[in-house]
Amino acid sequence: MDEELRTLTERLRAEAGASGVPGDPVAYQRLVATGDPDELAAVLTEPGHRLWARELAAFRLGVAGDRRAFESLVLLLNHRDPPRCASAAHALARLGDPRTARAAAALATNELRVAYALHPVRLLVELRAPEAVPALITTLRRRLRPHDPYRRVALACVEGLGTLGDRRAAPVLREALAHPALAEAAVRALARLAGQA
């Protein structure tokens, strides 16, 4: 069992056990143990399943490369609970669905959901898809406004643009130098761009 799955199952076991619904711990054990992808996919489409069950089923299908998990994982990637976002990003990175980068770019650049953009930004960097650099540039430029409260998102964009090493990012990274919370990371990112030139 990899570390991400171990973390997820421990969190969801606690959630299922704390639900107060007598059948939840049994249902949890069944979803952890099953090797039937159709049983997992049914959890995503049948009504009445709890969020922890949908997350567990989507994660297991996603890391197995079963594209039936795509929609559920994208919804979880934009969830208000950071651990759910992180597990969804992990599964989406392994899913291999060509729609993933477009979905992550849409979430990263959605100003109405910017509070939840951290994991979509990190996923874009991991995917190294064509959508990544334009989405990170757009998101970072918006974060450079005075008194923007989303510094973690801005920092993830700066670091990600440095990792991706695309020269198109140089202007916005130079703008980031003027922001004390971003300056050190922007210097490193610009140095990486210069080293790849």
N, C-alpha and C. Protein backbone atom coordinates (compact mmCIF):
# COMPACT_ATOMS: atom_id res chain seq x y z
N MET A 1 0.86 -1.18 0.00
CA MET A 1 0.00 0.00 0.00
C MET A 1 0.90 1.24 0.00
N ASP A 2 0.70 2.13 -0.97
CA ASP A 2 1.55 3.32 -1.01
C ASP A 2 1.12 4.32 0.07
N GLU A 3 1.99 5.30 0.32
CA GLU A 3 1.78 6.22 1.44
C GLU A 3 0.51 7.05 1.27
N GLU A 4 0.24 7.47 0.04
CA GLU A 4 -0.97 8.28 -0.20
C GLU A 4 -2.24 7.48 0.10
N LEU A 5 -2.26 6.23 -0.32
CA LEU A 5 -3.43 5.38 -0.04
C LEU A 5 -3.55 5.10 1.46
N ARG A 6 -2.43 4.90 2.13
CA ARG A 6 -2.46 4.66 3.58
C ARG A 6 -3.03 5.88 4.31
N THR A 7 -2.58 7.06 3.94
CA THR A 7 -3.08 8.29 4.56
C THR A 7 -4.58 8.45 4.32
N LEU A 8 -4.99 8.21 3.08
CA LEU A 8 -6.40 8.33 2.73
C LEU A 8 -7.24 7.34 3.52
N THR A 9 -6.83 6.08 3.55
CA THR A 9 -7.66 5.06 4.22
C THR A 9 -7.74 5.31 5.73
N GLU A 10 -6.67 5.79 6.34
CA GLU A 10 -6.73 6.11 7.77
C GLU A 10 -7.71 7.25 8.03
N ARG A 11 -7.65 8.28 7.20
CA ARG A 11 -8.56 9.42 7.37
C ARG A 11 -10.01 9.00 7.17
N LEU A 12 -10.26 8.21 6.12
CA LEU A 12 -11.64 7.83 5.81
C LEU A 12 -12.17 6.77 6.77
N ARG A 13 -11.29 5.93 7.33
CA ARG A 13 -11.73 4.97 8.35
C ARG A 13 -12.26 5.74 9.56
N ALA A 14 -11.53 6.78 9.97
CA ALA A 14 -11.97 7.60 11.10
C ALA A 14 -13.29 8.30 10.77
N GLU A 15 -13.42 8.78 9.55
CA GLU A 15 -14.65 9.46 9.15
C GLU A 15 -15.84 8.49 9.14
N ALA A 16 -15.63 7.29 8.60
CA ALA A 16 -16.72 6.30 8.57
C ALA A 16 -17.09 5.86 9.98
N GLY A 17 -16.08 5.69 10.85
CA GLY A 17 -16.34 5.27 12.22
C GLY A 17 -17.03 6.33 13.05
N ALA A 18 -16.77 7.60 12.73
CA ALA A 18 -17.35 8.70 13.50
C ALA A 18 -18.71 9.13 12.98
N SER A 19 -19.17 8.50 11.92
CA SER A 19 -20.43 8.95 11.30
C SER A 19 -21.64 8.66 12.17
N GLY A 20 -21.52 7.67 13.05
CA GLY A 20 -22.68 7.30 13.87
C GLY A 20 -23.65 6.40 13.15
N VAL A 21 -23.38 6.07 11.89
CA VAL A 21 -24.24 5.17 11.13
C VAL A 21 -23.68 3.75 11.30
N PRO A 22 -24.47 2.83 11.87
CA PRO A 22 -23.93 1.51 12.21
C PRO A 22 -23.29 0.77 11.04
N GLY A 23 -23.80 0.89 9.84
CA GLY A 23 -23.25 0.15 8.71
C GLY A 23 -22.02 0.76 8.07
N ASP A 24 -21.67 1.98 8.43
CA ASP A 24 -20.56 2.65 7.76
C ASP A 24 -19.22 1.95 7.91
N PRO A 25 -18.83 1.51 9.12
CA PRO A 25 -17.53 0.80 9.22
C PRO A 25 -17.47 -0.47 8.37
N VAL A 26 -18.59 -1.19 8.26
CA VAL A 26 -18.64 -2.39 7.44
C VAL A 26 -18.52 -2.02 5.97
N ALA A 27 -19.23 -0.99 5.56
CA ALA A 27 -19.14 -0.52 4.17
C ALA A 27 -17.74 -0.05 3.85
N TYR A 28 -17.11 0.61 4.80
CA TYR A 28 -15.73 1.06 4.61
C TYR A 28 -14.81 -0.14 4.34
N GLN A 29 -14.90 -1.16 5.19
CA GLN A 29 -14.05 -2.35 5.03
C GLN A 29 -14.28 -3.01 3.67
N ARG A 30 -15.55 -3.06 3.24
CA ARG A 30 -15.86 -3.67 1.95
C ARG A 30 -15.21 -2.89 0.81
N LEU A 31 -15.26 -1.55 0.86
CA LEU A 31 -14.68 -0.74 -0.21
C LEU A 31 -13.16 -0.81 -0.23
N VAL A 32 -12.56 -0.95 0.93
CA VAL A 32 -11.10 -1.09 0.99
C VAL A 32 -10.67 -2.44 0.43
N ALA A 33 -11.46 -3.47 0.70
CA ALA A 33 -11.06 -4.83 0.35
C ALA A 33 -11.41 -5.23 -1.08
N THR A 34 -12.44 -4.63 -1.66
CA THR A 34 -12.92 -5.12 -2.96
C THR A 34 -11.88 -4.93 -4.06
N GLY A 35 -11.85 -5.92 -4.94
CA GLY A 35 -11.01 -5.83 -6.12
C GLY A 35 -11.85 -5.62 -7.36
N ASP A 36 -13.14 -5.37 -7.19
CA ASP A 36 -14.08 -5.24 -8.30
C ASP A 36 -14.26 -3.78 -8.68
N PRO A 37 -13.70 -3.36 -9.83
CA PRO A 37 -13.86 -1.96 -10.22
C PRO A 37 -15.30 -1.56 -10.47
N ASP A 38 -16.15 -2.50 -10.87
CA ASP A 38 -17.56 -2.17 -11.10
C ASP A 38 -18.27 -1.84 -9.78
N GLU A 39 -17.88 -2.53 -8.72
CA GLU A 39 -18.46 -2.22 -7.40
C GLU A 39 -18.05 -0.82 -6.97
N LEU A 40 -16.78 -0.47 -7.20
CA LEU A 40 -16.32 0.88 -6.86
C LEU A 40 -17.03 1.93 -7.72
N ALA A 41 -17.18 1.66 -9.01
CA ALA A 41 -17.83 2.62 -9.91
C ALA A 41 -19.29 2.82 -9.53
N ALA A 42 -19.94 1.77 -9.03
CA ALA A 42 -21.34 1.89 -8.62
C ALA A 42 -21.50 2.88 -7.47
N VAL A 43 -20.50 2.95 -6.60
CA VAL A 43 -20.54 3.90 -5.48
C VAL A 43 -20.60 5.34 -6.01
N LEU A 44 -19.99 5.57 -7.16
CA LEU A 44 -19.95 6.92 -7.73
C LEU A 44 -21.25 7.29 -8.43
N THR A 45 -22.03 6.31 -8.84
CA THR A 45 -23.23 6.61 -9.62
C THR A 45 -24.54 6.36 -8.87
N GLU A 46 -24.52 5.49 -7.89
CA GLU A 46 -25.75 5.19 -7.15
C GLU A 46 -26.00 6.28 -6.10
N PRO A 47 -27.25 6.65 -5.90
CA PRO A 47 -27.55 7.65 -4.86
C PRO A 47 -27.40 7.06 -3.46
N GLY A 48 -27.20 7.94 -2.50
CA GLY A 48 -27.20 7.54 -1.11
C GLY A 48 -25.86 7.23 -0.48
N HIS A 49 -24.79 7.24 -1.28
CA HIS A 49 -23.48 6.95 -0.70
C HIS A 49 -22.89 8.20 -0.07
N ARG A 50 -22.21 8.01 1.06
CA ARG A 50 -21.61 9.14 1.77
C ARG A 50 -20.36 9.63 1.04
N LEU A 51 -19.96 10.85 1.38
CA LEU A 51 -18.82 11.47 0.71
C LEU A 51 -17.55 10.64 0.90
N TRP A 52 -17.31 10.12 2.11
CA TRP A 52 -16.10 9.32 2.33
C TRP A 52 -16.08 8.11 1.41
N ALA A 53 -17.24 7.49 1.17
CA ALA A 53 -17.30 6.31 0.30
C ALA A 53 -17.02 6.70 -1.15
N ARG A 54 -17.58 7.81 -1.59
CA ARG A 54 -17.33 8.29 -2.96
C ARG A 54 -15.85 8.63 -3.15
N GLU A 55 -15.28 9.26 -2.13
CA GLU A 55 -13.86 9.61 -2.24
C GLU A 55 -12.99 8.36 -2.32
N LEU A 56 -13.26 7.39 -1.48
CA LEU A 56 -12.47 6.16 -1.48
C LEU A 56 -12.60 5.42 -2.82
N ALA A 57 -13.82 5.32 -3.31
CA ALA A 57 -14.04 4.63 -4.59
C ALA A 57 -13.36 5.38 -5.74
N ALA A 58 -13.51 6.70 -5.77
CA ALA A 58 -12.90 7.49 -6.85
C ALA A 58 -11.38 7.39 -6.80
N PHE A 59 -10.82 7.47 -5.61
CA PHE A 59 -9.36 7.38 -5.48
C PHE A 59 -8.87 6.03 -5.99
N ARG A 60 -9.49 4.95 -5.53
CA ARG A 60 -9.03 3.61 -5.94
C ARG A 60 -9.16 3.42 -7.44
N LEU A 61 -10.25 3.89 -8.02
CA LEU A 61 -10.41 3.78 -9.47
C LEU A 61 -9.39 4.66 -10.19
N GLY A 62 -9.18 5.86 -9.69
CA GLY A 62 -8.25 6.79 -10.33
C GLY A 62 -6.84 6.27 -10.39
N VAL A 63 -6.33 5.78 -9.28
CA VAL A 63 -4.95 5.28 -9.29
C VAL A 63 -4.82 4.00 -10.12
N ALA A 64 -5.94 3.33 -10.35
CA ALA A 64 -5.94 2.14 -11.21
C ALA A 64 -6.10 2.51 -12.69
N GLY A 65 -6.28 3.81 -12.97
CA GLY A 65 -6.41 4.24 -14.36
C GLY A 65 -7.80 4.06 -14.94
N ASP A 66 -8.82 3.92 -14.10
CA ASP A 66 -10.20 3.74 -14.56
C ASP A 66 -10.85 5.12 -14.70
N ARG A 67 -11.14 5.50 -15.92
CA ARG A 67 -11.62 6.86 -16.20
C ARG A 67 -13.03 7.13 -15.69
N ARG A 68 -13.71 6.13 -15.20
CA ARG A 68 -15.02 6.38 -14.60
C ARG A 68 -14.91 7.26 -13.35
N ALA A 69 -13.71 7.39 -12.82
CA ALA A 69 -13.49 8.20 -11.62
C ALA A 69 -13.30 9.68 -11.93
N PHE A 70 -13.15 10.04 -13.20
CA PHE A 70 -12.72 11.40 -13.55
C PHE A 70 -13.60 12.49 -12.94
N GLU A 71 -14.90 12.45 -13.19
CA GLU A 71 -15.79 13.53 -12.72
C GLU A 71 -15.77 13.66 -11.20
N SER A 72 -15.81 12.54 -10.51
CA SER A 72 -15.80 12.59 -9.04
C SER A 72 -14.48 13.17 -8.52
N LEU A 73 -13.38 12.78 -9.16
CA LEU A 73 -12.08 13.30 -8.72
C LEU A 73 -11.95 14.80 -8.97
N VAL A 74 -12.48 15.28 -10.08
CA VAL A 74 -12.43 16.72 -10.35
C VAL A 74 -13.25 17.48 -9.31
N LEU A 75 -14.40 16.95 -8.95
CA LEU A 75 -15.20 17.61 -7.89
C LEU A 75 -14.43 17.63 -6.57
N LEU A 76 -13.76 16.54 -6.25
CA LEU A 76 -12.98 16.48 -5.00
C LEU A 76 -11.75 17.38 -5.06
N LEU A 77 -11.19 17.58 -6.24
CA LEU A 77 -10.03 18.46 -6.40
C LEU A 77 -10.37 19.90 -6.02
N ASN A 78 -11.63 20.26 -6.11
CA ASN A 78 -12.10 21.61 -5.83
C ASN A 78 -12.88 21.67 -4.52
N HIS A 79 -12.66 20.71 -3.63
CA HIS A 79 -13.39 20.63 -2.37
C HIS A 79 -12.79 21.61 -1.35
N ARG A 80 -13.58 22.00 -0.38
CA ARG A 80 -13.10 22.95 0.65
C ARG A 80 -12.14 22.30 1.64
N ASP A 81 -12.11 20.96 1.67
CA ASP A 81 -11.27 20.22 2.61
C ASP A 81 -9.93 19.86 1.93
N PRO A 82 -8.81 20.48 2.34
CA PRO A 82 -7.54 20.24 1.66
C PRO A 82 -7.11 18.78 1.54
N PRO A 83 -7.32 17.92 2.55
CA PRO A 83 -6.92 16.52 2.35
C PRO A 83 -7.69 15.84 1.20
N ARG A 84 -8.94 16.20 1.01
CA ARG A 84 -9.69 15.64 -0.12
C ARG A 84 -9.10 16.12 -1.45
N CYS A 85 -8.74 17.40 -1.49
CA CYS A 85 -8.13 17.95 -2.71
C CYS A 85 -6.81 17.24 -3.00
N ALA A 86 -6.01 17.02 -1.98
CA ALA A 86 -4.71 16.38 -2.17
C ALA A 86 -4.85 14.95 -2.68
N SER A 87 -5.79 14.19 -2.11
CA SER A 87 -5.96 12.81 -2.57
C SER A 87 -6.51 12.78 -3.99
N ALA A 88 -7.39 13.71 -4.32
CA ALA A 88 -7.92 13.78 -5.69
C ALA A 88 -6.82 14.12 -6.68
N ALA A 89 -5.95 15.06 -6.32
CA ALA A 89 -4.85 15.44 -7.20
C ALA A 89 -3.92 14.25 -7.43
N HIS A 90 -3.63 13.51 -6.37
CA HIS A 90 -2.77 12.33 -6.49
C HIS A 90 -3.38 11.32 -7.46
N ALA A 91 -4.67 11.04 -7.30
CA ALA A 91 -5.33 10.07 -8.18
C ALA A 91 -5.44 10.58 -9.61
N LEU A 92 -5.75 11.86 -9.78
CA LEU A 92 -5.86 12.42 -11.13
C LEU A 92 -4.52 12.37 -11.86
N ALA A 93 -3.44 12.58 -11.15
CA ALA A 93 -2.12 12.54 -11.79
C ALA A 93 -1.81 11.14 -12.32
N ARG A 94 -2.41 10.13 -11.73
CA ARG A 94 -2.17 8.75 -12.16
C ARG A 94 -3.25 8.20 -13.08
N LEU A 95 -4.34 8.93 -13.21
CA LEU A 95 -5.48 8.45 -13.98
C LEU A 95 -5.18 8.34 -15.48
N GLY A 96 -4.43 9.31 -16.00
CA GLY A 96 -4.11 9.26 -17.43
C GLY A 96 -5.25 9.71 -18.33
N ASP A 97 -6.17 10.51 -17.80
CA ASP A 97 -7.28 11.00 -18.62
C ASP A 97 -6.87 12.31 -19.29
N PRO A 98 -7.04 12.43 -20.61
CA PRO A 98 -6.61 13.65 -21.30
C PRO A 98 -7.39 14.90 -20.89
N ARG A 99 -8.51 14.75 -20.23
CA ARG A 99 -9.29 15.90 -19.79
C ARG A 99 -8.76 16.53 -18.50
N THR A 100 -7.85 15.85 -17.83
CA THR A 100 -7.41 16.28 -16.50
C THR A 100 -6.76 17.66 -16.53
N ALA A 101 -5.86 17.91 -17.45
CA ALA A 101 -5.15 19.19 -17.46
C ALA A 101 -6.11 20.35 -17.71
N ARG A 102 -7.05 20.18 -18.62
CA ARG A 102 -8.02 21.25 -18.88
C ARG A 102 -8.86 21.53 -17.64
N ALA A 103 -9.29 20.47 -16.96
CA ALA A 103 -10.09 20.64 -15.75
C ALA A 103 -9.28 21.34 -14.66
N ALA A 104 -8.04 20.92 -14.47
CA ALA A 104 -7.19 21.55 -13.44
C ALA A 104 -6.93 23.01 -13.77
N ALA A 105 -6.71 23.32 -15.05
CA ALA A 105 -6.48 24.71 -15.46
C ALA A 105 -7.72 25.56 -15.20
N ALA A 106 -8.89 25.01 -15.48
CA ALA A 106 -10.14 25.75 -15.23
C ALA A 106 -10.32 26.02 -13.74
N LEU A 107 -9.99 25.04 -12.91
CA LEU A 107 -10.12 25.24 -11.46
C LEU A 107 -9.07 26.23 -10.94
N ALA A 108 -7.86 26.14 -11.45
CA ALA A 108 -6.78 27.02 -10.98
C ALA A 108 -7.06 28.48 -11.32
N THR A 109 -7.73 28.73 -12.43
CA THR A 109 -7.95 30.11 -12.89
C THR A 109 -9.32 30.64 -12.52
N ASN A 110 -10.13 29.87 -11.81
CA ASN A 110 -11.47 30.31 -11.43
C ASN A 110 -11.37 31.22 -10.20
N GLU A 111 -11.56 32.50 -10.41
CA GLU A 111 -11.43 33.47 -9.31
C GLU A 111 -12.45 33.26 -8.20
N LEU A 112 -13.58 32.66 -8.53
CA LEU A 112 -14.60 32.43 -7.51
C LEU A 112 -14.20 31.29 -6.56
N ARG A 113 -13.24 30.47 -6.99
CA ARG A 113 -12.81 29.33 -6.19
C ARG A 113 -11.31 29.38 -5.89
N VAL A 114 -10.73 30.56 -5.94
CA VAL A 114 -9.28 30.68 -5.79
C VAL A 114 -8.79 30.16 -4.44
N ALA A 115 -9.62 30.18 -3.44
CA ALA A 115 -9.22 29.66 -2.12
C ALA A 115 -8.88 28.17 -2.19
N TYR A 116 -9.37 27.49 -3.22
CA TYR A 116 -9.14 26.06 -3.37
C TYR A 116 -8.25 25.74 -4.57
N ALA A 117 -7.48 26.70 -5.04
CA ALA A 117 -6.68 26.54 -6.26
C ALA A 117 -5.31 25.90 -6.02
N LEU A 118 -4.90 25.75 -4.79
CA LEU A 118 -3.55 25.25 -4.50
C LEU A 118 -3.30 23.88 -5.14
N HIS A 119 -4.18 22.94 -4.94
CA HIS A 119 -3.96 21.59 -5.46
C HIS A 119 -4.12 21.51 -6.98
N PRO A 120 -5.06 22.23 -7.58
CA PRO A 120 -5.06 22.27 -9.05
C PRO A 120 -3.76 22.83 -9.64
N VAL A 121 -3.21 23.86 -9.00
CA VAL A 121 -1.93 24.42 -9.47
C VAL A 121 -0.83 23.37 -9.39
N ARG A 122 -0.73 22.71 -8.25
CA ARG A 122 0.31 21.68 -8.09
C ARG A 122 0.12 20.52 -9.06
N LEU A 123 -1.13 20.16 -9.32
CA LEU A 123 -1.41 19.09 -10.27
C LEU A 123 -0.96 19.49 -11.67
N LEU A 124 -1.22 20.72 -12.07
CA LEU A 124 -0.79 21.19 -13.39
C LEU A 124 0.72 21.07 -13.55
N VAL A 125 1.45 21.42 -12.50
CA VAL A 125 2.91 21.32 -12.56
C VAL A 125 3.32 19.86 -12.71
N GLU A 126 2.69 18.98 -11.96
CA GLU A 126 3.03 17.56 -12.04
C GLU A 126 2.73 16.99 -13.42
N LEU A 127 1.62 17.42 -14.02
CA LEU A 127 1.23 16.90 -15.33
C LEU A 127 2.11 17.43 -16.47
N ARG A 128 2.66 18.65 -16.29
CA ARG A 128 3.47 19.28 -17.34
C ARG A 128 2.73 19.34 -18.68
N ALA A 129 1.45 19.59 -18.61
CA ALA A 129 0.61 19.66 -19.81
C ALA A 129 0.72 21.03 -20.46
N PRO A 130 0.35 21.16 -21.73
CA PRO A 130 0.41 22.47 -22.40
C PRO A 130 -0.40 23.55 -21.69
N GLU A 131 -1.46 23.17 -20.99
CA GLU A 131 -2.30 24.14 -20.28
C GLU A 131 -1.63 24.71 -19.04
N ALA A 132 -0.59 24.07 -18.55
CA ALA A 132 -0.02 24.42 -17.25
C ALA A 132 0.54 25.84 -17.20
N VAL A 133 1.44 26.17 -18.10
CA VAL A 133 2.11 27.48 -18.02
C VAL A 133 1.12 28.64 -18.17
N PRO A 134 0.25 28.64 -19.19
CA PRO A 134 -0.71 29.75 -19.28
C PRO A 134 -1.61 29.87 -18.05
N ALA A 135 -2.05 28.74 -17.50
CA ALA A 135 -2.92 28.80 -16.32
C ALA A 135 -2.17 29.34 -15.10
N LEU A 136 -0.93 28.91 -14.90
CA LEU A 136 -0.15 29.40 -13.76
C LEU A 136 0.19 30.87 -13.91
N ILE A 137 0.50 31.30 -15.12
CA ILE A 137 0.77 32.73 -15.34
C ILE A 137 -0.47 33.56 -15.00
N THR A 138 -1.63 33.14 -15.50
CA THR A 138 -2.88 33.86 -15.23
C THR A 138 -3.17 33.91 -13.74
N THR A 139 -3.05 32.78 -13.08
CA THR A 139 -3.35 32.72 -11.65
C THR A 139 -2.38 33.58 -10.85
N LEU A 140 -1.09 33.50 -11.17
CA LEU A 140 -0.11 34.29 -10.45
C LEU A 140 -0.32 35.78 -10.67
N ARG A 141 -0.57 36.18 -11.90
CA ARG A 141 -0.77 37.61 -12.17
C ARG A 141 -1.90 38.17 -11.31
N ARG A 142 -2.97 37.42 -11.16
CA ARG A 142 -4.09 37.86 -10.32
C ARG A 142 -3.71 37.93 -8.84
N ARG A 143 -2.78 37.10 -8.42
CA ARG A 143 -2.38 37.07 -7.01
C ARG A 143 -1.41 38.20 -6.68
N LEU A 144 -0.92 38.92 -7.67
CA LEU A 144 0.04 39.99 -7.42
C LEU A 144 -0.64 41.33 -7.11
N ARG A 145 -1.94 41.30 -6.99
CA ARG A 145 -2.67 42.52 -6.59
C ARG A 145 -2.36 42.85 -5.13
N PRO A 146 -2.43 44.13 -4.77
CA PRO A 146 -2.17 44.50 -3.36
C PRO A 146 -3.13 43.79 -2.41
N HIS A 147 -2.59 43.33 -1.31
CA HIS A 147 -3.35 42.72 -0.21
C HIS A 147 -4.09 41.44 -0.61
N ASP A 148 -3.60 40.74 -1.61
CA ASP A 148 -4.23 39.47 -1.99
C ASP A 148 -3.99 38.45 -0.87
N PRO A 149 -5.05 37.78 -0.40
CA PRO A 149 -4.89 36.86 0.73
C PRO A 149 -4.41 35.46 0.37
N TYR A 150 -4.20 35.18 -0.91
CA TYR A 150 -3.92 33.80 -1.34
C TYR A 150 -2.44 33.62 -1.67
N ARG A 151 -1.58 33.91 -0.71
CA ARG A 151 -0.14 33.83 -0.93
C ARG A 151 0.34 32.40 -1.18
N ARG A 152 -0.30 31.42 -0.55
CA ARG A 152 0.13 30.03 -0.79
C ARG A 152 -0.11 29.63 -2.25
N VAL A 153 -1.21 30.10 -2.81
CA VAL A 153 -1.49 29.83 -4.23
C VAL A 153 -0.45 30.53 -5.09
N ALA A 154 -0.16 31.79 -4.76
CA ALA A 154 0.84 32.55 -5.52
C ALA A 154 2.21 31.88 -5.45
N LEU A 155 2.60 31.44 -4.27
CA LEU A 155 3.88 30.78 -4.10
C LEU A 155 3.95 29.48 -4.90
N ALA A 156 2.86 28.71 -4.88
CA ALA A 156 2.82 27.47 -5.67
C ALA A 156 2.96 27.78 -7.16
N CYS A 157 2.38 28.88 -7.62
CA CYS A 157 2.52 29.28 -9.03
C CYS A 157 3.97 29.64 -9.35
N VAL A 158 4.60 30.44 -8.48
CA VAL A 158 5.99 30.84 -8.71
C VAL A 158 6.88 29.60 -8.76
N GLU A 159 6.75 28.74 -7.77
CA GLU A 159 7.59 27.53 -7.73
C GLU A 159 7.30 26.63 -8.94
N GLY A 160 6.03 26.51 -9.28
CA GLY A 160 5.65 25.68 -10.42
C GLY A 160 6.19 26.21 -11.73
N LEU A 161 6.14 27.51 -11.91
CA LEU A 161 6.67 28.10 -13.15
C LEU A 161 8.18 27.89 -13.24
N GLY A 162 8.85 27.95 -12.10
CA GLY A 162 10.28 27.65 -12.11
C GLY A 162 10.54 26.20 -12.48
N THR A 163 9.73 25.29 -11.95
CA THR A 163 9.87 23.87 -12.26
C THR A 163 9.62 23.61 -13.74
N LEU A 164 8.61 24.24 -14.28
CA LEU A 164 8.25 24.02 -15.69
C LEU A 164 9.27 24.63 -16.65
N GLY A 165 9.94 25.71 -16.22
CA GLY A 165 11.04 26.26 -16.99
C GLY A 165 10.68 26.87 -18.34
N ASP A 166 9.51 27.43 -18.45
CA ASP A 166 9.06 28.02 -19.71
C ASP A 166 9.35 29.52 -19.69
N ARG A 167 10.03 30.01 -20.73
CA ARG A 167 10.44 31.42 -20.78
C ARG A 167 9.24 32.38 -20.78
N ARG A 168 8.07 31.92 -21.16
CA ARG A 168 6.89 32.80 -21.14
C ARG A 168 6.58 33.30 -19.73
N ALA A 169 7.09 32.60 -18.73
CA ALA A 169 6.81 32.97 -17.34
C ALA A 169 7.70 34.10 -16.84
N ALA A 170 8.75 34.44 -17.56
CA ALA A 170 9.72 35.42 -17.05
C ALA A 170 9.09 36.76 -16.65
N PRO A 171 8.22 37.37 -17.48
CA PRO A 171 7.66 38.68 -17.07
C PRO A 171 6.89 38.64 -15.75
N VAL A 172 6.04 37.64 -15.57
CA VAL A 172 5.25 37.60 -14.33
C VAL A 172 6.14 37.23 -13.14
N LEU A 173 7.17 36.44 -13.37
CA LEU A 173 8.10 36.13 -12.28
C LEU A 173 8.88 37.38 -11.87
N ARG A 174 9.23 38.22 -12.84
CA ARG A 174 9.90 39.49 -12.48
C ARG A 174 8.97 40.39 -11.68
N GLU A 175 7.68 40.39 -12.02
CA GLU A 175 6.71 41.16 -11.22
C GLU A 175 6.63 40.62 -9.79
N ALA A 176 6.74 39.30 -9.65
CA ALA A 176 6.66 38.68 -8.31
C ALA A 176 7.82 39.08 -7.42
N LEU A 177 8.93 39.51 -8.00
CA LEU A 177 10.09 39.94 -7.20
C LEU A 177 9.75 41.08 -6.26
N ALA A 178 8.75 41.88 -6.61
CA ALA A 178 8.37 43.03 -5.79
C ALA A 178 7.55 42.65 -4.56
N HIS A 179 7.21 41.38 -4.44
CA HIS A 179 6.38 40.93 -3.32
C HIS A 179 7.26 40.13 -2.35
N PRO A 180 7.48 40.64 -1.15
CA PRO A 180 8.42 40.00 -0.21
C PRO A 180 8.14 38.51 0.02
N ALA A 181 6.89 38.11 0.08
CA ALA A 181 6.58 36.70 0.35
C ALA A 181 6.92 35.80 -0.83
N LEU A 182 7.11 36.39 -2.00
CA LEU A 182 7.36 35.62 -3.21
C LEU A 182 8.76 35.82 -3.78
N ALA A 183 9.46 36.85 -3.31
CA ALA A 183 10.71 37.27 -3.95
C ALA A 183 11.76 36.16 -4.01
N GLU A 184 11.98 35.47 -2.91
CA GLU A 184 13.03 34.44 -2.88
C GLU A 184 12.71 33.31 -3.87
N ALA A 185 11.46 32.87 -3.89
CA ALA A 185 11.07 31.82 -4.83
C ALA A 185 11.14 32.32 -6.27
N ALA A 186 10.80 33.59 -6.48
CA ALA A 186 10.86 34.16 -7.84
C ALA A 186 12.31 34.23 -8.33
N VAL A 187 13.24 34.58 -7.45
CA VAL A 187 14.66 34.60 -7.82
C VAL A 187 15.10 33.21 -8.26
N ARG A 188 14.73 32.19 -7.49
CA ARG A 188 15.09 30.81 -7.84
C ARG A 188 14.46 30.39 -9.17
N ALA A 189 13.19 30.76 -9.36
CA ALA A 189 12.50 30.39 -10.60
C ALA A 189 13.15 31.06 -11.81
N LEU A 190 13.47 32.33 -11.67
CA LEU A 190 14.12 33.05 -12.78
C LEU A 190 15.50 32.47 -13.07
N ALA A 191 16.21 32.07 -12.03
CA ALA A 191 17.52 31.45 -12.23
C ALA A 191 17.38 30.13 -13.01
N ARG A 192 16.34 29.38 -12.71
CA ARG A 192 16.11 28.14 -13.46
C ARG A 192 15.80 28.43 -14.92
N LEU A 193 15.02 29.46 -15.16
CA LEU A 193 14.72 29.84 -16.55
C LEU A 193 16.00 30.25 -17.27
N ALA A 194 16.83 31.03 -16.59
CA ALA A 194 18.08 31.48 -17.21
C ALA A 194 19.00 30.30 -17.48
N GLY A 195 19.01 29.34 -16.58
CA GLY A 195 19.86 28.17 -16.76
C GLY A 195 19.42 27.28 -17.91
N GLN A 196 18.16 27.36 -18.28
CA GLN A 196 17.65 26.54 -19.38
C GLN A 196 17.70 27.26 -20.71
N ALA A 197 18.05 28.55 -20.68
CA ALA A 197 18.05 29.33 -21.93
C ALA A 197 19.20 28.90 -22.81
